[in-house]
PDB file of N, CA and C in Angstrom:
ATOM      1  N   MET A   1      90.566  57.041  96.062  1.00  0.00           N
ATOM      2  CA  MET A   1      90.763  58.358  96.608  1.00  0.00           C
ATOM      3  C   MET A   1      90.847  58.248  98.124  1.00  0.00           C
ATOM      4  N   SER A   2      91.837  58.888  98.717  1.00  0.00           N
ATOM      5  CA  SER A   2      92.008  58.848 100.156  1.00  0.00           C
ATOM      6  C   SER A   2      91.075  59.846 100.824  1.00  0.00           C
ATOM      7  N   GLU A   3      90.793  59.598 102.110  1.00  0.00           N
ATOM      8  CA  GLU A   3      89.950  60.513 102.855  1.00  0.00           C
ATOM      9  C   GLU A   3      90.661  61.839 103.025  1.00  0.00           C
ATOM     10  N   ARG A   4      89.891  62.899 102.970  1.00  0.00           N
ATOM     11  CA  ARG A   4      90.424  64.245 103.120  1.00  0.00           C
ATOM     12  C   ARG A   4      91.069  64.402 104.494  1.00  0.00           C
ATOM     13  N   ALA A   5      92.264  64.957 104.524  1.00  0.00           N
ATOM     14  CA  ALA A   5      92.952  65.237 105.782  1.00  0.00           C
ATOM     15  C   ALA A   5      92.284  66.417 106.464  1.00  0.00           C
ATOM     16  N   HIS A   6      92.183  66.362 107.769  1.00  0.00           N
ATOM     17  CA  HIS A   6      91.602  67.453 108.543  1.00  0.00           C
ATOM     18  C   HIS A   6      92.696  68.081 109.393  1.00  0.00           C
ATOM     19  N   PRO A   7      92.717  69.400 109.468  1.00  0.00           N
ATOM     20  CA  PRO A   7      93.715  70.068 110.313  1.00  0.00           C
ATOM     21  C   PRO A   7      93.390  69.831 111.782  1.00  0.00           C
ATOM     22  N   PRO A   8      94.370  70.010 112.654  1.00  0.00           N
ATOM     23  CA  PRO A   8      94.089  69.923 114.092  1.00  0.00           C
ATOM     24  C   PRO A   8      92.997  70.929 114.453  1.00  0.00           C
ATOM     25  N   ASP A   9      92.105  70.538 115.355  1.00  0.00           N
ATOM     26  CA  ASP A   9      90.967  71.387 115.693  1.00  0.00           C
ATOM     27  C   ASP A   9      91.390  72.718 116.303  1.00  0.00           C
ATOM     28  N   ASP A  10      92.544  72.744 116.956  1.00  0.00           N
ATOM     29  CA  ASP A  10      92.984  73.980 117.614  1.00  0.00           C
ATOM     30  C   ASP A  10      93.998  74.774 116.788  1.00  0.00           C
ATOM     31  N   ILE A  11      94.117  74.450 115.502  1.00  0.00           N
ATOM     32  CA  ILE A  11      95.098  75.141 114.665  1.00  0.00           C
ATOM     33  C   ILE A  11      94.753  76.634 114.579  1.00  0.00           C
ATOM     34  N   ALA A  12      95.775  77.451 114.672  1.00  0.00           N
ATOM     35  CA  ALA A  12      95.583  78.895 114.514  1.00  0.00           C
ATOM     36  C   ALA A  12      95.308  79.196 113.041  1.00  0.00           C
ATOM     37  N   PRO A  13      94.406  80.122 112.754  1.00  0.00           N
ATOM     38  CA  PRO A  13      94.113  80.451 111.359  1.00  0.00           C
ATOM     39  C   PRO A  13      95.359  80.808 110.547  1.00  0.00           C
ATOM     40  N   GLU A  14      96.292  81.562 111.135  1.00  0.00           N
ATOM     41  CA  GLU A  14      97.510  81.920 110.401  1.00  0.00           C
ATOM     42  C   GLU A  14      98.283  80.667 109.989  1.00  0.00           C
ATOM     43  N   GLU A  15      98.412  79.719 110.887  1.00  0.00           N
ATOM     44  CA  GLU A  15      99.098  78.458 110.580  1.00  0.00           C
ATOM     45  C   GLU A  15      98.357  77.705 109.485  1.00  0.00           C
ATOM     46  N   PHE A  16      97.039  77.678 109.580  1.00  0.00           N
ATOM     47  CA  PHE A  16      96.233  76.969 108.586  1.00  0.00           C
ATOM     48  C   PHE A  16      96.435  77.547 107.191  1.00  0.00           C
ATOM     49  N   PHE A  17      96.271  78.861 107.063  1.00  0.00           N
ATOM     50  CA  PHE A  17      96.301  79.472 105.733  1.00  0.00           C
ATOM     51  C   PHE A  17      97.703  79.614 105.149  1.00  0.00           C
ATOM     52  N   THR A  18      98.717  79.758 105.976  1.00  0.00           N
ATOM     53  CA  THR A  18     100.062  79.956 105.436  1.00  0.00           C
ATOM     54  C   THR A  18     100.865  78.665 105.331  1.00  0.00           C
ATOM     55  N   ARG A  19     100.491  77.645 106.089  1.00  0.00           N
ATOM     56  CA  ARG A  19     101.276  76.403 106.049  1.00  0.00           C
ATOM     57  C   ARG A  19     100.440  75.154 105.802  1.00  0.00           C
ATOM     58  N   TRP A  20      99.388  74.960 106.620  1.00  0.00           N
ATOM     59  CA  TRP A  20      98.682  73.682 106.581  1.00  0.00           C
ATOM     60  C   TRP A  20      98.015  73.435 105.236  1.00  0.00           C
ATOM     61  N   ILE A  21      97.160  74.354 104.777  1.00  0.00           N
ATOM     62  CA  ILE A  21      96.445  74.134 103.516  1.00  0.00           C
ATOM     63  C   ILE A  21      97.414  74.116 102.343  1.00  0.00           C
ATOM     64  N   VAL A  22      98.449  74.922 102.417  1.00  0.00           N
ATOM     65  CA  VAL A  22      99.463  74.944 101.355  1.00  0.00           C
ATOM     66  C   VAL A  22     100.119  73.565 101.237  1.00  0.00           C
ATOM     67  N   ASN A  23     100.544  73.004 102.360  1.00  0.00           N
ATOM     68  CA  ASN A  23     101.178  71.688 102.358  1.00  0.00           C
ATOM     69  C   ASN A  23     100.179  70.597 101.967  1.00  0.00           C
ATOM     70  N   ALA A  24      98.966  70.671 102.514  1.00  0.00           N
ATOM     71  CA  ALA A  24      97.959  69.644 102.242  1.00  0.00           C
ATOM     72  C   ALA A  24      97.626  69.558 100.755  1.00  0.00           C
ATOM     73  N   VAL A  25      97.521  70.697 100.099  1.00  0.00           N
ATOM     74  CA  VAL A  25      97.174  70.698  98.678  1.00  0.00           C
ATOM     75  C   VAL A  25      98.403  70.416  97.811  1.00  0.00           C
ATOM     76  N   ASN A  26      99.494  71.101  98.076  1.00  0.00           N
ATOM     77  CA  ASN A  26     100.657  70.994  97.195  1.00  0.00           C
ATOM     78  C   ASN A  26     101.350  69.645  97.241  1.00  0.00           C
ATOM     79  N   THR A  27     101.155  68.865  98.299  1.00  0.00           N
ATOM     80  CA  THR A  27     101.796  67.548  98.385  1.00  0.00           C
ATOM     81  C   THR A  27     100.835  66.408  98.075  1.00  0.00           C
ATOM     82  N   ASP A  28      99.602  66.711  97.736  1.00  0.00           N
ATOM     83  CA  ASP A  28      98.595  65.686  97.446  1.00  0.00           C
ATOM     84  C   ASP A  28      98.240  65.756  95.960  1.00  0.00           C
ATOM     85  N   GLU A  29      98.677  64.796  95.202  1.00  0.00           N
ATOM     86  CA  GLU A  29      98.472  64.808  93.748  1.00  0.00           C
ATOM     87  C   GLU A  29      96.989  64.874  93.376  1.00  0.00           C
ATOM     88  N   HIS A  30      96.144  64.186  94.145  1.00  0.00           N
ATOM     89  CA  HIS A  30      94.709  64.218  93.851  1.00  0.00           C
ATOM     90  C   HIS A  30      94.155  65.635  94.015  1.00  0.00           C
ATOM     91  N   ARG A  31      94.506  66.281  95.117  1.00  0.00           N
ATOM     92  CA  ARG A  31      94.054  67.662  95.330  1.00  0.00           C
ATOM     93  C   ARG A  31      94.599  68.578  94.244  1.00  0.00           C
ATOM     94  N   ARG A  32      95.876  68.409  93.910  1.00  0.00           N
ATOM     95  CA  ARG A  32      96.481  69.265  92.882  1.00  0.00           C
ATOM     96  C   ARG A  32      95.791  69.069  91.536  1.00  0.00           C
ATOM     97  N   SER A  33      95.421  67.835  91.218  1.00  0.00           N
ATOM     98  CA  SER A  33      94.756  67.584  89.939  1.00  0.00           C
ATOM     99  C   SER A  33      93.379  68.257  89.896  1.00  0.00           C
ATOM    100  N   ARG A  34      92.725  68.388  91.047  1.00  0.00           N
ATOM    101  CA  ARG A  34      91.423  69.052  91.089  1.00  0.00           C
ATOM    102  C   ARG A  34      91.542  70.553  90.844  1.00  0.00           C
ATOM    103  N   LEU A  35      92.732  71.114  91.089  1.00  0.00           N
ATOM    104  CA  LEU A  35      92.925  72.537  90.815  1.00  0.00           C
ATOM    105  C   LEU A  35      92.827  72.828  89.327  1.00  0.00           C
ATOM    106  N   GLY A  36      93.282  71.854  88.512  1.00  0.00           N
ATOM    107  CA  GLY A  36      93.250  72.047  87.069  1.00  0.00           C
ATOM    108  C   GLY A  36      93.942  73.337  86.681  1.00  0.00           C
ATOM    109  N   ASP A  37      93.302  74.121  85.829  1.00  0.00           N
ATOM    110  CA  ASP A  37      93.895  75.388  85.384  1.00  0.00           C
ATOM    111  C   ASP A  37      93.310  76.590  86.145  1.00  0.00           C
ATOM    112  N   THR A  38      92.753  76.310  87.308  1.00  0.00           N
ATOM    113  CA  THR A  38      92.173  77.386  88.118  1.00  0.00           C
ATOM    114  C   THR A  38      93.242  78.404  88.499  1.00  0.00           C
ATOM    115  N   ARG A  39      92.917  79.649  88.275  1.00  0.00           N
ATOM    116  CA  ARG A  39      93.757  80.776  88.710  1.00  0.00           C
ATOM    117  C   ARG A  39      92.821  81.689  89.487  1.00  0.00           C
ATOM    118  N   ALA A  40      93.092  81.831  90.784  1.00  0.00           N
ATOM    119  CA  ALA A  40      92.181  82.617  91.603  1.00  0.00           C
ATOM    120  C   ALA A  40      92.877  83.143  92.847  1.00  0.00           C
ATOM    121  N   VAL A  41      92.320  84.224  93.346  1.00  0.00           N
ATOM    122  CA  VAL A  41      92.733  84.794  94.625  1.00  0.00           C
ATOM    123  C   VAL A  41      91.488  84.781  95.508  1.00  0.00           C
ATOM    124  N   ILE A  42      91.611  84.144  96.666  1.00  0.00           N
ATOM    125  CA  ILE A  42      90.478  84.024  97.576  1.00  0.00           C
ATOM    126  C   ILE A  42      90.860  84.643  98.910  1.00  0.00           C
ATOM    127  N   GLU A  43      90.056  85.583  99.349  1.00  0.00           N
ATOM    128  CA  GLU A  43      90.287  86.216 100.644  1.00  0.00           C
ATOM    129  C   GLU A  43      89.297  85.646 101.657  1.00  0.00           C
ATOM    130  N   PHE A  44      89.827  85.243 102.797  1.00  0.00           N
ATOM    131  CA  PHE A  44      88.997  84.747 103.892  1.00  0.00           C
ATOM    132  C   PHE A  44      89.044  85.770 105.015  1.00  0.00           C
ATOM    133  N   GLU A  45      87.879  86.179 105.473  1.00  0.00           N
ATOM    134  CA  GLU A  45      87.786  87.031 106.656  1.00  0.00           C
ATOM    135  C   GLU A  45      87.182  86.179 107.761  1.00  0.00           C
ATOM    136  N   LEU A  46      87.972  85.904 108.781  1.00  0.00           N
ATOM    137  CA  LEU A  46      87.504  85.143 109.930  1.00  0.00           C
ATOM    138  C   LEU A  46      87.217  86.123 111.054  1.00  0.00           C
ATOM    139  N   THR A  47      86.020  86.057 111.603  1.00  0.00           N
ATOM    140  CA  THR A  47      85.639  86.968 112.672  1.00  0.00           C
ATOM    141  C   THR A  47      85.687  86.244 114.005  1.00  0.00           C
ATOM    142  N   GLY A  48      85.979  86.985 115.046  1.00  0.00           N
ATOM    143  CA  GLY A  48      86.073  86.417 116.380  1.00  0.00           C
ATOM    144  C   GLY A  48      87.523  86.335 116.819  1.00  0.00           C
ATOM    145  N   GLU A  49      87.722  85.746 117.993  1.00  0.00           N
ATOM    146  CA  GLU A  49      89.068  85.629 118.558  1.00  0.00           C
ATOM    147  C   GLU A  49      89.975  84.830 117.615  1.00  0.00           C
ATOM    148  N   GLN A  50      91.169  85.318 117.370  1.00  0.00           N
ATOM    149  CA  GLN A  50      92.163  84.767 116.438  1.00  0.00           C
ATOM    150  C   GLN A  50      91.784  85.012 114.982  1.00  0.00           C
ATOM    151  N   GLY A  51      90.748  85.792 114.760  1.00  0.00           N
ATOM    152  CA  GLY A  51      90.312  86.050 113.400  1.00  0.00           C
ATOM    153  C   GLY A  51      91.250  87.004 112.680  1.00  0.00           C
ATOM    154  N   GLY A  52      90.899  87.322 111.469  1.00  0.00           N
ATOM    155  CA  GLY A  52      91.690  88.221 110.646  1.00  0.00           C
ATOM    156  C   GLY A  52      91.416  87.955 109.181  1.00  0.00           C
ATOM    157  N   HIS A  53      92.238  88.541 108.341  1.00  0.00           N
ATOM    158  CA  HIS A  53      92.133  88.357 106.895  1.00  0.00           C
ATOM    159  C   HIS A  53      93.287  87.481 106.431  1.00  0.00           C
ATOM    160  N   PHE A  54      92.964  86.536 105.554  1.00  0.00           N
ATOM    161  CA  PHE A  54      93.950  85.600 105.020  1.00  0.00           C
ATOM    162  C   PHE A  54      93.657  85.426 103.537  1.00  0.00           C
ATOM    163  N   THR A  55      94.698  85.377 102.739  1.00  0.00           N
ATOM    164  CA  THR A  55      94.537  85.281 101.290  1.00  0.00           C
ATOM    165  C   THR A  55      95.185  84.008 100.774  1.00  0.00           C
ATOM    166  N   VAL A  56      94.452  83.306  99.908  1.00  0.00           N
ATOM    167  CA  VAL A  56      94.950  82.089  99.270  1.00  0.00           C
ATOM    168  C   VAL A  56      95.040  82.354  97.775  1.00  0.00           C
ATOM    169  N   HIS A  57      96.203  82.063  97.202  1.00  0.00           N
ATOM    170  CA  HIS A  57      96.445  82.220  95.765  1.00  0.00           C
ATOM    171  C   HIS A  57      96.488  80.827  95.147  1.00  0.00           C
ATOM    172  N   ILE A  58      95.732  80.645  94.072  1.00  0.00           N
ATOM    173  CA  ILE A  58      95.711  79.378  93.353  1.00  0.00           C
ATOM    174  C   ILE A  58      96.174  79.649  91.930  1.00  0.00           C
ATOM    175  N   ALA A  59      97.243  78.970  91.510  1.00  0.00           N
ATOM    176  CA  ALA A  59      97.757  79.135  90.146  1.00  0.00           C
ATOM    177  C   ALA A  59      98.741  78.011  89.844  1.00  0.00           C
ATOM    178  N   ASP A  60      98.774  77.600  88.606  1.00  0.00           N
ATOM    179  CA  ASP A  60      99.747  76.612  88.129  1.00  0.00           C
ATOM    180  C   ASP A  60      99.730  75.335  88.958  1.00  0.00           C
ATOM    181  N   GLY A  61      98.544  74.911  89.396  1.00  0.00           N
ATOM    182  CA  GLY A  61      98.417  73.672  90.151  1.00  0.00           C
ATOM    183  C   GLY A  61      98.981  73.740  91.551  1.00  0.00           C
ATOM    184  N   GLN A  62      99.174  74.941  92.069  1.00  0.00           N
ATOM    185  CA  GLN A  62      99.746  75.133  93.403  1.00  0.00           C
ATOM    186  C   GLN A  62      98.883  76.107  94.196  1.00  0.00           C
ATOM    187  N   VAL A  63      99.056  76.054  95.510  1.00  0.00           N
ATOM    188  CA  VAL A  63      98.367  76.956  96.422  1.00  0.00           C
ATOM    189  C   VAL A  63      99.418  77.664  97.259  1.00  0.00           C
ATOM    190  N   ALA A  64      99.219  78.954  97.487  1.00  0.00           N
ATOM    191  CA  ALA A  64     100.071  79.736  98.393  1.00  0.00           C
ATOM    192  C   ALA A  64      99.149  80.565  99.272  1.00  0.00           C
ATOM    193  N   GLY A  65      99.557  80.761 100.515  1.00  0.00           N
ATOM    194  CA  GLY A  65      98.718  81.523 101.437  1.00  0.00           C
ATOM    195  C   GLY A  65      99.510  82.595 102.138  1.00  0.00           C
ATOM    196  N   GLU A  66      98.808  83.652 102.535  1.00  0.00           N
ATOM    197  CA  GLU A  66      99.453  84.745 103.250  1.00  0.00           C
ATOM    198  C   GLU A  66      98.455  85.418 104.188  1.00  0.00           C
ATOM    199  N   VAL A  67      99.004  86.106 105.161  1.00  0.00           N
ATOM    200  CA  VAL A  67      98.188  86.869 106.097  1.00  0.00           C
ATOM    201  C   VAL A  67      97.890  88.218 105.483  1.00  0.00           C
ATOM    202  N   GLY A  68      96.659  88.669 105.631  1.00  0.00           N
ATOM    203  CA  GLY A  68      96.271  89.991 105.154  1.00  0.00           C
ATOM    204  C   GLY A  68      95.221  89.918 104.072  1.00  0.00           C
ATOM    205  N   PRO A  69      94.543  91.036 103.861  1.00  0.00           N
ATOM    206  CA  PRO A  69      93.522  91.097 102.816  1.00  0.00           C
ATOM    207  C   PRO A  69      94.161  91.210 101.435  1.00  0.00           C
ATOM    208  N   SER A  70      93.343  90.980 100.427  1.00  0.00           N
ATOM    209  CA  SER A  70      93.795  91.089  99.047  1.00  0.00           C
ATOM    210  C   SER A  70      93.140  92.298  98.404  1.00  0.00           C
ATOM    211  N   GLU A  71      93.907  93.027  97.616  1.00  0.00           N
ATOM    212  CA  GLU A  71      93.333  94.150  96.873  1.00  0.00           C
ATOM    213  C   GLU A  71      92.501  93.657  95.691  1.00  0.00           C
ATOM    214  N   ARG A  72      92.798  92.452  95.225  1.00  0.00           N
ATOM    215  CA  ARG A  72      92.118  91.920  94.042  1.00  0.00           C
ATOM    216  C   ARG A  72      91.704  90.466  94.269  1.00  0.00           C
ATOM    217  N   ALA A  73      90.718  90.261  95.108  1.00  0.00           N
ATOM    218  CA  ALA A  73      90.231  88.904  95.350  1.00  0.00           C
ATOM    219  C   ALA A  73      89.127  88.575  94.346  1.00  0.00           C
ATOM    220  N   ASP A  74      89.183  87.365  93.819  1.00  0.00           N
ATOM    221  CA  ASP A  74      88.114  86.883  92.943  1.00  0.00           C
ATOM    222  C   ASP A  74      86.910  86.452  93.767  1.00  0.00           C
ATOM    223  N   LEU A  75      87.199  86.049  95.002  1.00  0.00           N
ATOM    224  CA  LEU A  75      86.149  85.606  95.913  1.00  0.00           C
ATOM    225  C   LEU A  75      86.527  86.033  97.322  1.00  0.00           C
ATOM    226  N   ARG A  76      85.543  86.552  98.047  1.00  0.00           N
ATOM    227  CA  ARG A  76      85.734  86.895  99.451  1.00  0.00           C
ATOM    228  C   ARG A  76      84.787  86.021 100.259  1.00  0.00           C
ATOM    229  N   VAL A  77      85.339  85.374 101.286  1.00  0.00           N
ATOM    230  CA  VAL A  77      84.566  84.491 102.147  1.00  0.00           C
ATOM    231  C   VAL A  77      84.640  85.053 103.558  1.00  0.00           C
ATOM    232  N   CYS A  78      83.494  85.251 104.186  1.00  0.00           N
ATOM    233  CA  CYS A  78      83.442  85.749 105.560  1.00  0.00           C
ATOM    234  C   CYS A  78      82.758  84.692 106.416  1.00  0.00           C
ATOM    235  N   VAL A  79      83.429  84.319 107.498  1.00  0.00           N
ATOM    236  CA  VAL A  79      82.915  83.269 108.376  1.00  0.00           C
ATOM    237  C   VAL A  79      83.463  83.493 109.776  1.00  0.00           C
ATOM    238  N   ASP A  80      82.694  83.110 110.794  1.00  0.00           N
ATOM    239  CA  ASP A  80      83.201  83.240 112.159  1.00  0.00           C
ATOM    240  C   ASP A  80      84.086  82.031 112.484  1.00  0.00           C
ATOM    241  N   ILE A  81      84.927  82.187 113.482  1.00  0.00           N
ATOM    242  CA  ILE A  81      85.896  81.143 113.841  1.00  0.00           C
ATOM    243  C   ILE A  81      85.208  79.820 114.174  1.00  0.00           C
ATOM    244  N   THR A  82      84.123  79.854 114.915  1.00  0.00           N
ATOM    245  CA  THR A  82      83.421  78.623 115.305  1.00  0.00           C
ATOM    246  C   THR A  82      82.944  77.861 114.079  1.00  0.00           C
ATOM    247  N   THR A  83      82.357  78.564 113.122  1.00  0.00           N
ATOM    248  CA  THR A  83      81.887  77.923 111.889  1.00  0.00           C
ATOM    249  C   THR A  83      83.064  77.425 111.072  1.00  0.00           C
ATOM    250  N   TRP A  84      84.141  78.203 110.990  1.00  0.00           N
ATOM    251  CA  TRP A  84      85.336  77.800 110.249  1.00  0.00           C
ATOM    252  C   TRP A  84      85.895  76.480 110.803  1.00  0.00           C
ATOM    253  N   ARG A  85      85.947  76.362 112.118  1.00  0.00           N
ATOM    254  CA  ARG A  85      86.439  75.124 112.731  1.00  0.00           C
ATOM    255  C   ARG A  85      85.499  73.951 112.434  1.00  0.00           C
ATOM    256  N   ALA A  86      84.198  74.179 112.451  1.00  0.00           N
ATOM    257  CA  ALA A  86      83.230  73.122 112.123  1.00  0.00           C
ATOM    258  C   ALA A  86      83.390  72.679 110.671  1.00  0.00           C
ATOM    259  N   LEU A  87      83.633  73.631 109.772  1.00  0.00           N
ATOM    260  CA  LEU A  87      83.877  73.301 108.365  1.00  0.00           C
ATOM    261  C   LEU A  87      85.153  72.464 108.236  1.00  0.00           C
ATOM    262  N   ASN A  88      86.219  72.857 108.928  1.00  0.00           N
ATOM    263  CA  ASN A  88      87.485  72.121 108.867  1.00  0.00           C
ATOM    264  C   ASN A  88      87.346  70.697 109.390  1.00  0.00           C
ATOM    265  N   ARG A  89      86.560  70.516 110.457  1.00  0.00           N
ATOM    266  CA  ARG A  89      86.356  69.176 111.025  1.00  0.00           C
ATOM    267  C   ARG A  89      85.490  68.305 110.134  1.00  0.00           C
ATOM    268  N   GLY A  90      84.719  68.922 109.269  1.00  0.00           N
ATOM    269  CA  GLY A  90      83.775  68.176 108.453  1.00  0.00           C
ATOM    270  C   GLY A  90      82.428  68.021 109.141  1.00  0.00           C
ATOM    271  N   ASP A  91      82.206  68.754 110.240  1.00  0.00           N
ATOM    272  CA  ASP A  91      80.935  68.700 110.960  1.00  0.00           C
ATOM    273  C   ASP A  91      79.852  69.507 110.259  1.00  0.00           C
ATOM    274  N   LEU A  92      80.257  70.396 109.370  1.00  0.00           N
ATOM    275  CA  LEU A  92      79.342  71.283 108.669  1.00  0.00           C
ATOM    276  C   LEU A  92      79.831  71.408 107.232  1.00  0.00           C
ATOM    277  N   SER A  93      78.897  71.344 106.295  1.00  0.00           N
ATOM    278  CA  SER A  93      79.280  71.523 104.890  1.00  0.00           C
ATOM    279  C   SER A  93      79.152  72.991 104.514  1.00  0.00           C
ATOM    280  N   ALA A  94      79.896  73.398 103.518  1.00  0.00           N
ATOM    281  CA  ALA A  94      79.840  74.785 103.056  1.00  0.00           C
ATOM    282  C   ALA A  94      78.431  75.160 102.577  1.00  0.00           C
ATOM    283  N   PRO A  95      77.756  74.300 101.788  1.00  0.00           N
ATOM    284  CA  PRO A  95      76.393  74.669 101.379  1.00  0.00           C
ATOM    285  C   PRO A  95      75.455  74.856 102.580  1.00  0.00           C
ATOM    286  N   GLU A  96      75.586  73.999 103.583  1.00  0.00           N
ATOM    287  CA  GLU A  96      74.746  74.131 104.772  1.00  0.00           C
ATOM    288  C   GLU A  96      75.067  75.438 105.513  1.00  0.00           C
ATOM    289  N   ALA A  97      76.351  75.763 105.620  1.00  0.00           N
ATOM    290  CA  ALA A  97      76.755  77.008 106.283  1.00  0.00           C
ATOM    291  C   ALA A  97      76.197  78.219 105.534  1.00  0.00           C
ATOM    292  N   LEU A  98      76.199  78.165 104.203  1.00  0.00           N
ATOM    293  CA  LEU A  98      75.620  79.252 103.402  1.00  0.00           C
ATOM    294  C   LEU A  98      74.124  79.385 103.666  1.00  0.00           C
ATOM    295  N   LEU A  99      73.421  78.257 103.635  1.00  0.00           N
ATOM    296  CA  LEU A  99      71.974  78.280 103.843  1.00  0.00           C
ATOM    297  C   LEU A  99      71.607  78.792 105.231  1.00  0.00           C
ATOM    298  N   ARG A 100      72.443  78.489 106.220  1.00  0.00           N
ATOM    299  CA  ARG A 100      72.190  78.947 107.590  1.00  0.00           C
ATOM    300  C   ARG A 100      72.716  80.365 107.832  1.00  0.00           C
ATOM    301  N   ARG A 101      73.278  80.956 106.793  1.00  0.00           N
ATOM    302  CA  ARG A 101      73.839  82.314 106.844  1.00  0.00           C
ATOM    303  C   ARG A 101      74.989  82.422 107.849  1.00  0.00           C
ATOM    304  N   ARG A 102      75.720  81.332 107.995  1.00  0.00           N
ATOM    305  CA  ARG A 102      76.902  81.333 108.858  1.00  0.00           C
ATOM    306  C   ARG A 102      78.162  81.587 108.040  1.00  0.00           C
ATOM    307  N   LEU A 103      78.038  81.557 106.723  1.00  0.00           N
ATOM    308  CA  LEU A 103      79.142  81.807 105.801  1.00  0.00           C
ATOM    309  C   LEU A 103      78.610  82.728 104.718  1.00  0.00           C
ATOM    310  N   LYS A 104      79.374  83.751 104.392  1.00  0.00           N
ATOM    311  CA  LYS A 104      78.968  84.689 103.351  1.00  0.00           C
ATOM    312  C   LYS A 104      80.052  84.738 102.284  1.00  0.00           C
ATOM    313  N   MET A 105      79.625  84.880 101.040  1.00  0.00           N
ATOM    314  CA  MET A 105      80.562  84.968  99.922  1.00  0.00           C
ATOM    315  C   MET A 105      80.215  86.179  99.069  1.00  0.00           C
ATOM    316  N   ALA A 106      81.258  86.773  98.502  1.00  0.00           N
ATOM    317  CA  ALA A 106      81.081  87.867  97.551  1.00  0.00           C
ATOM    318  C   ALA A 106      82.113  87.681  96.450  1.00  0.00           C
ATOM    319  N   GLY A 107      81.698  87.886  95.231  1.00  0.00           N
ATOM    320  CA  GLY A 107      82.613  87.721  94.104  1.00  0.00           C
ATOM    321  C   GLY A 107      82.133  86.600  93.197  1.00  0.00           C
ATOM    322  N   SER A 108      83.054  85.824  92.710  1.00  0.00           N
ATOM    323  CA  SER A 108      82.755  84.764  91.757  1.00  0.00           C
ATOM    324  C   SER A 108      81.960  83.631  92.414  1.00  0.00           C
ATOM    325  N   PHE A 109      80.659  83.598  92.108  1.00  0.00           N
ATOM    326  CA  PHE A 109      79.814  82.549  92.667  1.00  0.00           C
ATOM    327  C   PHE A 109      80.269  81.169  92.189  1.00  0.00           C
ATOM    328  N   LEU A 110      80.687  81.070  90.933  1.00  0.00           N
ATOM    329  CA  LEU A 110      81.175  79.794  90.405  1.00  0.00           C
ATOM    330  C   LEU A 110      82.392  79.306  91.183  1.00  0.00           C
ATOM    331  N   LEU A 111      83.310  80.195  91.463  1.00  0.00           N
ATOM    332  CA  LEU A 111      84.488  79.837  92.268  1.00  0.00           C
ATOM    333  C   LEU A 111      84.035  79.397  93.664  1.00  0.00           C
ATOM    334  N   GLY A 112      83.064  80.083  94.220  1.00  0.00           N
ATOM    335  CA  GLY A 112      82.536  79.701  95.526  1.00  0.00           C
ATOM    336  C   GLY A 112      81.958  78.301  95.521  1.00  0.00           C
ATOM    337  N   LEU A 113      81.279  77.938  94.451  1.00  0.00           N
ATOM    338  CA  LEU A 113      80.723  76.583  94.341  1.00  0.00           C
ATOM    339  C   LEU A 113      81.821  75.530  94.244  1.00  0.00           C
ATOM    340  N   LYS A 114      82.932  75.890  93.623  1.00  0.00           N
ATOM    341  CA  LYS A 114      84.041  74.942  93.438  1.00  0.00           C
ATOM    342  C   LYS A 114      85.016  74.931  94.611  1.00  0.00           C
ATOM    343  N   LEU A 115      84.871  75.852  95.557  1.00  0.00           N
ATOM    344  CA  LEU A 115      85.864  76.026  96.614  1.00  0.00           C
ATOM    345  C   LEU A 115      86.153  74.732  97.356  1.00  0.00           C
ATOM    346  N   HIS A 116      85.120  74.004  97.768  1.00  0.00           N
ATOM    347  CA  HIS A 116      85.359  72.766  98.515  1.00  0.00           C
ATOM    348  C   HIS A 116      85.999  71.695  97.637  1.00  0.00           C
ATOM    349  N   LEU A 117      85.790  71.776  96.335  1.00  0.00           N
ATOM    350  CA  LEU A 117      86.407  70.798  95.437  1.00  0.00           C
ATOM    351  C   LEU A 117      87.894  71.059  95.234  1.00  0.00           C
ATOM    352  N   ILE A 118      88.272  72.332  95.200  1.00  0.00           N
ATOM    353  CA  ILE A 118      89.672  72.631  94.896  1.00  0.00           C
ATOM    354  C   ILE A 118      90.543  72.716  96.142  1.00  0.00           C
ATOM    355  N   LEU A 119      89.951  73.065  97.289  1.00  0.00           N
ATOM    356  CA  LEU A 119      90.747  73.149  98.512  1.00  0.00           C
ATOM    357  C   LEU A 119      90.449  72.008  99.483  1.00  0.00           C
ATOM    358  N   GLY A 120      89.239  71.484  99.429  1.00  0.00           N
ATOM    359  CA  GLY A 120      88.832  70.448 100.387  1.00  0.00           C
ATOM    360  C   GLY A 120      89.348  69.092 100.084  1.00  0.00           C
TER     361      GLY A 120
END
């Protein structure tokens, strides 16, 4: 298994959710295989400068991303930009961010537990 690719530290959230993660997952057979038969809509709310709402759709072994909130998210993740960048760099794990209350989730707890496995 190859090491997980990390996005550039200064990547804009819109670029990350609409292009980077989509390309990283859809072109990596190992990542795609981890998706399995997962079908989910995940909304990310990033707070702070450059923040906003971003939605990731997972279905048929593929990932698609878009700007904006989702009317029907299976999981909602709220995190500030600084924490989001630390998570992307691998400086902070999602469980640690949850325990420190730097990341909040609402919706499918099981999907939240699998999030780093299917997207990371």
